């Protein structure tokens, strides 16, 4: 019997994969190898994010901010999940 992975398993894998993409995107040594369209594809049209300041950022603002932050770290950036 070939069971499909659970929703929790698939969601967890997606979160880990996207955060690896962010680490690579922000690091100047690996940024050139990142396919940013991968992130753009999974962020739905209605996506928004609440910043630590409480400001609500729409999809375009989040994408623009992350694009502008490309290769801004020098091997000193990590994300722990």
PDB file of N, CA and C in Angstrom:
ATOM      1  N   UNK A   1       0.838  -1.175   0.000  1.00  0.00           N
ATOM      2  CA  UNK A   1       0.000   0.000   0.000  1.00  0.00           C
ATOM      3  C   UNK A   1       0.886   1.243   0.000  1.00  0.00           C
ATOM      4  N   UNK A   2       0.613   2.156  -0.896  1.00  0.00           N
ATOM      5  CA  UNK A   2       1.425   3.359  -1.036  1.00  0.00           C
ATOM      6  C   UNK A   2       0.626   4.559  -0.542  1.00  0.00           C
ATOM      7  N   UNK A   3       0.838   4.930   0.727  1.00  0.00           N
ATOM      8  CA  UNK A   3       0.090   6.041   1.304  1.00  0.00           C
ATOM      9  C   UNK A   3       0.722   7.371   0.960  1.00  0.00           C
ATOM     10  N   UNK A   4      -0.126   8.341   0.729  1.00  0.00           N
ATOM     11  CA  UNK A   4       0.306   9.705   0.480  1.00  0.00           C
ATOM     12  C   UNK A   4       0.773  10.311   1.814  1.00  0.00           C
ATOM     13  N   UNK A   5       1.849  11.107   1.806  1.00  0.00           N
ATOM     14  CA  UNK A   5       2.277  11.742   3.061  1.00  0.00           C
ATOM     15  C   UNK A   5       1.153  12.613   3.634  1.00  0.00           C
ATOM     16  N   UNK A   6       1.116  12.717   4.940  1.00  0.00           N
ATOM     17  CA  UNK A   6       0.071  13.503   5.598  1.00  0.00           C
ATOM     18  C   UNK A   6       0.216  14.986   5.269  1.00  0.00           C
ATOM     19  N   UNK A   7      -0.856  15.724   5.483  1.00  0.00           N
ATOM     20  CA  UNK A   7      -0.826  17.170   5.278  1.00  0.00           C
ATOM     21  C   UNK A   7       0.235  17.803   6.171  1.00  0.00           C
ATOM     22  N   UNK A   8       0.322  17.361   7.415  1.00  0.00           N
ATOM     23  CA  UNK A   8       1.336  17.889   8.333  1.00  0.00           C
ATOM     24  C   UNK A   8       2.739  17.645   7.797  1.00  0.00           C
ATOM     25  N   UNK A   9       2.979  16.462   7.289  1.00  0.00           N
ATOM     26  CA  UNK A   9       4.291  16.121   6.733  1.00  0.00           C
ATOM     27  C   UNK A   9       4.621  16.985   5.520  1.00  0.00           C
ATOM     28  N   UNK A  10       3.643  17.150   4.632  1.00  0.00           N
ATOM     29  CA  UNK A  10       3.870  17.970   3.434  1.00  0.00           C
ATOM     30  C   UNK A  10       4.052  19.441   3.786  1.00  0.00           C
ATOM     31  N   UNK A  11       3.247  19.949   4.730  1.00  0.00           N
ATOM     32  CA  UNK A  11       3.371  21.355   5.143  1.00  0.00           C
ATOM     33  C   UNK A  11       4.717  21.601   5.814  1.00  0.00           C
ATOM     34  N   UNK A  12       5.141  20.679   6.655  1.00  0.00           N
ATOM     35  CA  UNK A  12       6.441  20.813   7.326  1.00  0.00           C
ATOM     36  C   UNK A  12       7.579  20.837   6.318  1.00  0.00           C
ATOM     37  N   UNK A  13       7.523  19.955   5.344  1.00  0.00           N
ATOM     38  CA  UNK A  13       8.563  19.911   4.311  1.00  0.00           C
ATOM     39  C   UNK A  13       8.590  21.213   3.515  1.00  0.00           C
ATOM     40  N   UNK A  14       7.423  21.766   3.217  1.00  0.00           N
ATOM     41  CA  UNK A  14       7.337  23.029   2.473  1.00  0.00           C
ATOM     42  C   UNK A  14       7.951  24.175   3.273  1.00  0.00           C
ATOM     43  N   UNK A  15       7.654  24.226   4.555  1.00  0.00           N
ATOM     44  CA  UNK A  15       8.208  25.283   5.411  1.00  0.00           C
ATOM     45  C   UNK A  15       9.724  25.188   5.463  1.00  0.00           C
ATOM     46  N   UNK A  16      10.247  24.008   5.685  1.00  0.00           N
ATOM     47  CA  UNK A  16      11.701  23.820   5.738  1.00  0.00           C
ATOM     48  C   UNK A  16      12.338  24.188   4.400  1.00  0.00           C
ATOM     49  N   UNK A  17      11.744  23.733   3.302  1.00  0.00           N
ATOM     50  CA  UNK A  17      12.290  24.009   1.973  1.00  0.00           C
ATOM     51  C   UNK A  17      12.317  25.508   1.677  1.00  0.00           C
ATOM     52  N   UNK A  18      11.236  26.215   1.993  1.00  0.00           N
ATOM     53  CA  UNK A  18      11.206  27.658   1.740  1.00  0.00           C
ATOM     54  C   UNK A  18      12.215  28.404   2.605  1.00  0.00           C
ATOM     55  N   UNK A  19      12.396  27.973   3.837  1.00  0.00           N
ATOM     56  CA  UNK A  19      13.364  28.657   4.691  1.00  0.00           C
ATOM     57  C   UNK A  19      14.801  28.384   4.242  1.00  0.00           C
ATOM     58  N   UNK A  20      15.051  27.224   3.667  1.00  0.00           N
ATOM     59  CA  UNK A  20      16.370  26.976   3.050  1.00  0.00           C
ATOM     60  C   UNK A  20      16.576  27.925   1.871  1.00  0.00           C
ATOM     61  N   UNK A  21      15.513  28.129   1.089  1.00  0.00           N
ATOM     62  CA  UNK A  21      15.578  29.068  -0.029  1.00  0.00           C
ATOM     63  C   UNK A  21      15.941  30.460   0.482  1.00  0.00           C
ATOM     64  N   UNK A  22      15.312  30.909   1.585  1.00  0.00           N
ATOM     65  CA  UNK A  22      15.614  32.233   2.136  1.00  0.00           C
ATOM     66  C   UNK A  22      17.078  32.340   2.552  1.00  0.00           C
ATOM     67  N   UNK A  23      17.574  31.339   3.247  1.00  0.00           N
ATOM     68  CA  UNK A  23      18.972  31.371   3.688  1.00  0.00           C
ATOM     69  C   UNK A  23      19.889  31.482   2.476  1.00  0.00           C
ATOM     70  N   UNK A  24      19.641  30.685   1.460  1.00  0.00           N
ATOM     71  CA  UNK A  24      20.468  30.743   0.250  1.00  0.00           C
ATOM     72  C   UNK A  24      20.309  32.084  -0.465  1.00  0.00           C
ATOM     73  N   UNK A  25      19.104  32.637  -0.502  1.00  0.00           N
ATOM     74  CA  UNK A  25      18.831  33.909  -1.179  1.00  0.00           C
ATOM     75  C   UNK A  25      19.579  35.066  -0.502  1.00  0.00           C
ATOM     76  N   UNK A  26      19.602  35.053   0.817  1.00  0.00           N
ATOM     77  CA  UNK A  26      20.223  36.154   1.555  1.00  0.00           C
ATOM     78  C   UNK A  26      21.743  36.050   1.604  1.00  0.00           C
ATOM     79  N   UNK A  27      22.299  34.872   1.390  1.00  0.00           N
ATOM     80  CA  UNK A  27      23.750  34.681   1.454  1.00  0.00           C
ATOM     81  C   UNK A  27      24.390  34.986   0.103  1.00  0.00           C
ATOM     82  N   UNK A  28      25.377  35.851   0.103  1.00  0.00           N
ATOM     83  CA  UNK A  28      25.954  36.272  -1.189  1.00  0.00           C
ATOM     84  C   UNK A  28      26.651  35.137  -1.928  1.00  0.00           C
ATOM     85  N   UNK A  29      27.120  34.114  -1.223  1.00  0.00           N
ATOM     86  CA  UNK A  29      27.794  33.001  -1.906  1.00  0.00           C
ATOM     87  C   UNK A  29      26.823  32.066  -2.630  1.00  0.00           C
ATOM     88  N   UNK A  30      25.577  32.039  -2.211  1.00  0.00           N
ATOM     89  CA  UNK A  30      24.628  31.097  -2.818  1.00  0.00           C
ATOM     90  C   UNK A  30      23.458  31.775  -3.534  1.00  0.00           C
ATOM     91  N   UNK A  31      23.335  33.077  -3.422  1.00  0.00           N
ATOM     92  CA  UNK A  31      22.169  33.789  -3.974  1.00  0.00           C
ATOM     93  C   UNK A  31      21.990  33.577  -5.474  1.00  0.00           C
ATOM     94  N   UNK A  32      23.077  33.467  -6.212  1.00  0.00           N
ATOM     95  CA  UNK A  32      22.974  33.299  -7.668  1.00  0.00           C
ATOM     96  C   UNK A  32      22.347  31.972  -8.079  1.00  0.00           C
ATOM     97  N   UNK A  33      22.326  31.011  -7.178  1.00  0.00           N
ATOM     98  CA  UNK A  33      21.789  29.686  -7.507  1.00  0.00           C
ATOM     99  C   UNK A  33      20.309  29.527  -7.132  1.00  0.00           C
ATOM    100  N   UNK A  34      19.712  30.564  -6.565  1.00  0.00           N
ATOM    101  CA  UNK A  34      18.337  30.459  -6.078  1.00  0.00           C
ATOM    102  C   UNK A  34      17.336  30.838  -7.166  1.00  0.00           C
ATOM    103  N   UNK A  35      16.313  30.013  -7.313  1.00  0.00           N
ATOM    104  CA  UNK A  35      15.209  30.298  -8.228  1.00  0.00           C
ATOM    105  C   UNK A  35      14.126  31.024  -7.424  1.00  0.00           C
ATOM    106  N   UNK A  36      14.165  32.356  -7.437  1.00  0.00           N
ATOM    107  CA  UNK A  36      13.236  33.147  -6.629  1.00  0.00           C
ATOM    108  C   UNK A  36      11.786  32.930  -7.056  1.00  0.00           C
ATOM    109  N   UNK A  37      11.572  32.538  -8.297  1.00  0.00           N
ATOM    110  CA  UNK A  37      10.197  32.307  -8.755  1.00  0.00           C
ATOM    111  C   UNK A  37       9.531  31.190  -7.951  1.00  0.00           C
ATOM    112  N   UNK A  38      10.316  30.320  -7.357  1.00  0.00           N
ATOM    113  CA  UNK A  38       9.778  29.259  -6.488  1.00  0.00           C
ATOM    114  C   UNK A  38       8.979  29.891  -5.347  1.00  0.00           C
ATOM    115  N   UNK A  39       9.539  30.920  -4.727  1.00  0.00           N
ATOM    116  CA  UNK A  39       8.859  31.622  -3.641  1.00  0.00           C
ATOM    117  C   UNK A  39       7.648  32.395  -4.169  1.00  0.00           C
ATOM    118  N   UNK A  40       7.821  33.070  -5.287  1.00  0.00           N
ATOM    119  CA  UNK A  40       6.718  33.849  -5.867  1.00  0.00           C
ATOM    120  C   UNK A  40       5.518  32.961  -6.196  1.00  0.00           C
ATOM    121  N   UNK A  41       5.784  31.754  -6.678  1.00  0.00           N
ATOM    122  CA  UNK A  41       4.698  30.841  -7.063  1.00  0.00           C
ATOM    123  C   UNK A  41       3.859  30.387  -5.873  1.00  0.00           C
ATOM    124  N   UNK A  42       4.478  30.207  -4.724  1.00  0.00           N
ATOM    125  CA  UNK A  42       3.733  29.667  -3.585  1.00  0.00           C
ATOM    126  C   UNK A  42       3.076  30.742  -2.728  1.00  0.00           C
ATOM    127  N   UNK A  43       3.410  31.992  -2.942  1.00  0.00           N
ATOM    128  CA  UNK A  43       2.763  33.075  -2.203  1.00  0.00           C
ATOM    129  C   UNK A  43       1.519  33.511  -2.974  1.00  0.00           C
ATOM    130  N   UNK A  44       0.364  33.146  -2.475  1.00  0.00           N
ATOM    131  CA  UNK A  44      -0.895  33.431  -3.156  1.00  0.00           C
ATOM    132  C   UNK A  44      -1.164  34.919  -3.299  1.00  0.00           C
ATOM    133  N   UNK A  45      -2.070  35.252  -4.196  1.00  0.00           N
ATOM    134  CA  UNK A  45      -2.408  36.655  -4.457  1.00  0.00           C
ATOM    135  C   UNK A  45      -2.868  37.383  -3.199  1.00  0.00           C
ATOM    136  N   UNK A  46      -3.535  36.703  -2.301  1.00  0.00           N
ATOM    137  CA  UNK A  46      -4.038  37.325  -1.080  1.00  0.00           C
ATOM    138  C   UNK A  46      -3.073  37.266   0.091  1.00  0.00           C
ATOM    139  N   UNK A  47      -1.839  36.823  -0.155  1.00  0.00           N
ATOM    140  CA  UNK A  47      -0.857  36.683   0.916  1.00  0.00           C
ATOM    141  C   UNK A  47      -0.589  38.028   1.580  1.00  0.00           C
ATOM    142  N   UNK A  48      -0.493  38.011   2.895  1.00  0.00           N
ATOM    143  CA  UNK A  48      -0.031  39.182   3.635  1.00  0.00           C
ATOM    144  C   UNK A  48       0.748  38.690   4.846  1.00  0.00           C
ATOM    145  N   UNK A  49       1.550  39.579   5.395  1.00  0.00           N
ATOM    146  CA  UNK A  49       2.394  39.238   6.537  1.00  0.00           C
ATOM    147  C   UNK A  49       2.312  40.380   7.537  1.00  0.00           C
ATOM    148  N   UNK A  50       2.241  40.052   8.806  1.00  0.00           N
ATOM    149  CA  UNK A  50       2.271  41.070   9.845  1.00  0.00           C
ATOM    150  C   UNK A  50       3.704  41.149  10.356  1.00  0.00           C
ATOM    151  N   UNK A  51       4.312  42.312  10.173  1.00  0.00           N
ATOM    152  CA  UNK A  51       5.690  42.538  10.614  1.00  0.00           C
ATOM    153  C   UNK A  51       5.721  42.661  12.143  1.00  0.00           C
ATOM    154  N   UNK A  52       6.894  42.473  12.755  1.00  0.00           N
ATOM    155  CA  UNK A  52       6.992  42.626  14.213  1.00  0.00           C
ATOM    156  C   UNK A  52       6.469  43.980  14.716  1.00  0.00           C
ATOM    157  N   UNK A  53       6.522  44.996  13.879  1.00  0.00           N
ATOM    158  CA  UNK A  53       6.021  46.326  14.261  1.00  0.00           C
ATOM    159  C   UNK A  53       4.498  46.399  14.273  1.00  0.00           C
ATOM    160  N   UNK A  54       3.838  45.375  13.713  1.00  0.00           N
ATOM    161  CA  UNK A  54       2.389  45.371  13.600  1.00  0.00           C
ATOM    162  C   UNK A  54       1.895  45.809  12.231  1.00  0.00           C
ATOM    163  N   UNK A  55       2.804  46.299  11.397  1.00  0.00           N
ATOM    164  CA  UNK A  55       2.436  46.727  10.050  1.00  0.00           C
ATOM    165  C   UNK A  55       2.051  45.508   9.213  1.00  0.00           C
ATOM    166  N   UNK A  56       0.951  45.624   8.475  1.00  0.00           N
ATOM    167  CA  UNK A  56       0.509  44.548   7.592  1.00  0.00           C
ATOM    168  C   UNK A  56       1.092  44.808   6.206  1.00  0.00           C
ATOM    169  N   UNK A  57       1.846  43.838   5.712  1.00  0.00           N
ATOM    170  CA  UNK A  57       2.484  43.944   4.398  1.00  0.00           C
ATOM    171  C   UNK A  57       1.762  43.033   3.422  1.00  0.00           C
ATOM    172  N   UNK A  58       1.388  43.574   2.270  1.00  0.00           N
ATOM    173  CA  UNK A  58       0.744  42.740   1.261  1.00  0.00           C
ATOM    174  C   UNK A  58       1.803  41.942   0.498  1.00  0.00           C
ATOM    175  N   UNK A  59       1.342  41.085  -0.384  1.00  0.00           N
ATOM    176  CA  UNK A  59       2.226  40.191  -1.135  1.00  0.00           C
ATOM    177  C   UNK A  59       3.329  40.956  -1.854  1.00  0.00           C
ATOM    178  N   UNK A  60       2.971  42.021  -2.557  1.00  0.00           N
ATOM    179  CA  UNK A  60       3.951  42.791  -3.318  1.00  0.00           C
ATOM    180  C   UNK A  60       5.021  43.386  -2.399  1.00  0.00           C
ATOM    181  N   UNK A  61       4.604  43.926  -1.264  1.00  0.00           N
ATOM    182  CA  UNK A  61       5.567  44.516  -0.326  1.00  0.00           C
ATOM    183  C   UNK A  61       6.536  43.461   0.207  1.00  0.00           C
ATOM    184  N   UNK A  62       6.016  42.283   0.522  1.00  0.00           N
ATOM    185  CA  UNK A  62       6.877  41.203   1.026  1.00  0.00           C
ATOM    186  C   UNK A  62       7.856  40.764  -0.061  1.00  0.00           C
ATOM    187  N   UNK A  63       7.346  40.513  -1.266  1.00  0.00           N
ATOM    188  CA  UNK A  63       8.221  40.088  -2.362  1.00  0.00           C
ATOM    189  C   UNK A  63       9.278  41.146  -2.664  1.00  0.00           C
ATOM    190  N   UNK A  64       8.870  42.417  -2.715  1.00  0.00           N
ATOM    191  CA  UNK A  64       9.827  43.493  -2.996  1.00  0.00           C
ATOM    192  C   UNK A  64      10.910  43.565  -1.928  1.00  0.00           C
ATOM    193  N   UNK A  65      10.511  43.436  -0.669  1.00  0.00           N
ATOM    194  CA  UNK A  65      11.484  43.501   0.429  1.00  0.00           C
ATOM    195  C   UNK A  65      12.483  42.344   0.350  1.00  0.00           C
ATOM    196  N   UNK A  66      11.971  41.158   0.117  1.00  0.00           N
ATOM    197  CA  UNK A  66      12.861  39.992   0.051  1.00  0.00           C
ATOM    198  C   UNK A  66      13.761  40.073  -1.177  1.00  0.00           C
ATOM    199  N   UNK A  67      13.220  40.497  -2.309  1.00  0.00           N
ATOM    200  CA  UNK A  67      14.055  40.666  -3.508  1.00  0.00           C
ATOM    201  C   UNK A  67      15.181  41.657  -3.249  1.00  0.00           C
ATOM    202  N   UNK A  68      14.858  42.767  -2.592  1.00  0.00           N
ATOM    203  CA  UNK A  68      15.849  43.812  -2.328  1.00  0.00           C
ATOM    204  C   UNK A  68      16.915  43.368  -1.328  1.00  0.00           C
ATOM    205  N   UNK A  69      16.629  42.331  -0.565  1.00  0.00           N
ATOM    206  CA  UNK A  69      17.566  41.854   0.456  1.00  0.00           C
ATOM    207  C   UNK A  69      18.472  40.734  -0.051  1.00  0.00           C
ATOM    208  N   UNK A  70      18.429  40.462  -1.341  1.00  0.00           N
ATOM    209  CA  UNK A  70      19.230  39.393  -1.942  1.00  0.00           C
ATOM    210  C   UNK A  70      20.714  39.623  -1.696  1.00  0.00           C
ATOM    211  N   UNK A  71      21.415  38.580  -1.282  1.00  0.00           N
ATOM    212  CA  UNK A  71      22.877  38.575  -1.115  1.00  0.00           C
ATOM    213  C   UNK A  71      23.362  39.645  -0.141  1.00  0.00           C
ATOM    214  N   UNK A  72      22.582  39.919   0.896  1.00  0.00           N
ATOM    215  CA  UNK A  72      22.977  40.932   1.874  1.00  0.00           C
ATOM    216  C   UNK A  72      23.704  40.353   3.079  1.00  0.00           C
ATOM    217  N   UNK A  73      23.855  39.055   3.130  1.00  0.00           N
ATOM    218  CA  UNK A  73      24.561  38.411   4.242  1.00  0.00           C
ATOM    219  C   UNK A  73      25.826  37.749   3.718  1.00  0.00           C
ATOM    220  N   UNK A  74      26.781  37.629   4.595  1.00  0.00           N
ATOM    221  CA  UNK A  74      28.084  37.096   4.196  1.00  0.00           C
ATOM    222  C   UNK A  74      28.385  35.798   4.941  1.00  0.00           C
ATOM    223  N   UNK A  75      27.516  34.810   4.745  1.00  0.00           N
ATOM    224  CA  UNK A  75      27.717  33.513   5.378  1.00  0.00           C
ATOM    225  C   UNK A  75      27.360  33.492   6.848  1.00  0.00           C
ATOM    226  N   UNK A  76      26.750  34.572   7.333  1.00  0.00           N
ATOM    227  CA  UNK A  76      26.453  34.679   8.760  1.00  0.00           C
ATOM    228  C   UNK A  76      24.955  34.675   9.053  1.00  0.00           C
ATOM    229  N   UNK A  77      24.170  34.132   8.137  1.00  0.00           N
ATOM    230  CA  UNK A  77      22.721  34.128   8.304  1.00  0.00           C
ATOM    231  C   UNK A  77      22.222  32.695   8.384  1.00  0.00           C
ATOM    232  N   UNK A  78      21.330  32.449   9.336  1.00  0.00           N
ATOM    233  CA  UNK A  78      20.736  31.119   9.484  1.00  0.00           C
ATOM    234  C   UNK A  78      19.303  31.283   9.971  1.00  0.00           C
ATOM    235  N   UNK A  79      18.493  30.301   9.692  1.00  0.00           N
ATOM    236  CA  UNK A  79      17.128  30.255  10.212  1.00  0.00           C
ATOM    237  C   UNK A  79      16.970  28.913  10.912  1.00  0.00           C
ATOM    238  N   UNK A  80      16.490  28.956  12.143  1.00  0.00           N
ATOM    239  CA  UNK A  80      16.198  27.731  12.885  1.00  0.00           C
ATOM    240  C   UNK A  80      14.692  27.553  12.948  1.00  0.00           C
ATOM    241  N   UNK A  81      14.252  26.358  12.661  1.00  0.00           N
ATOM    242  CA  UNK A  81      12.814  26.066  12.712  1.00  0.00           C
ATOM    243  C   UNK A  81      12.575  25.046  13.810  1.00  0.00           C
TER     244      UNK A  81
END
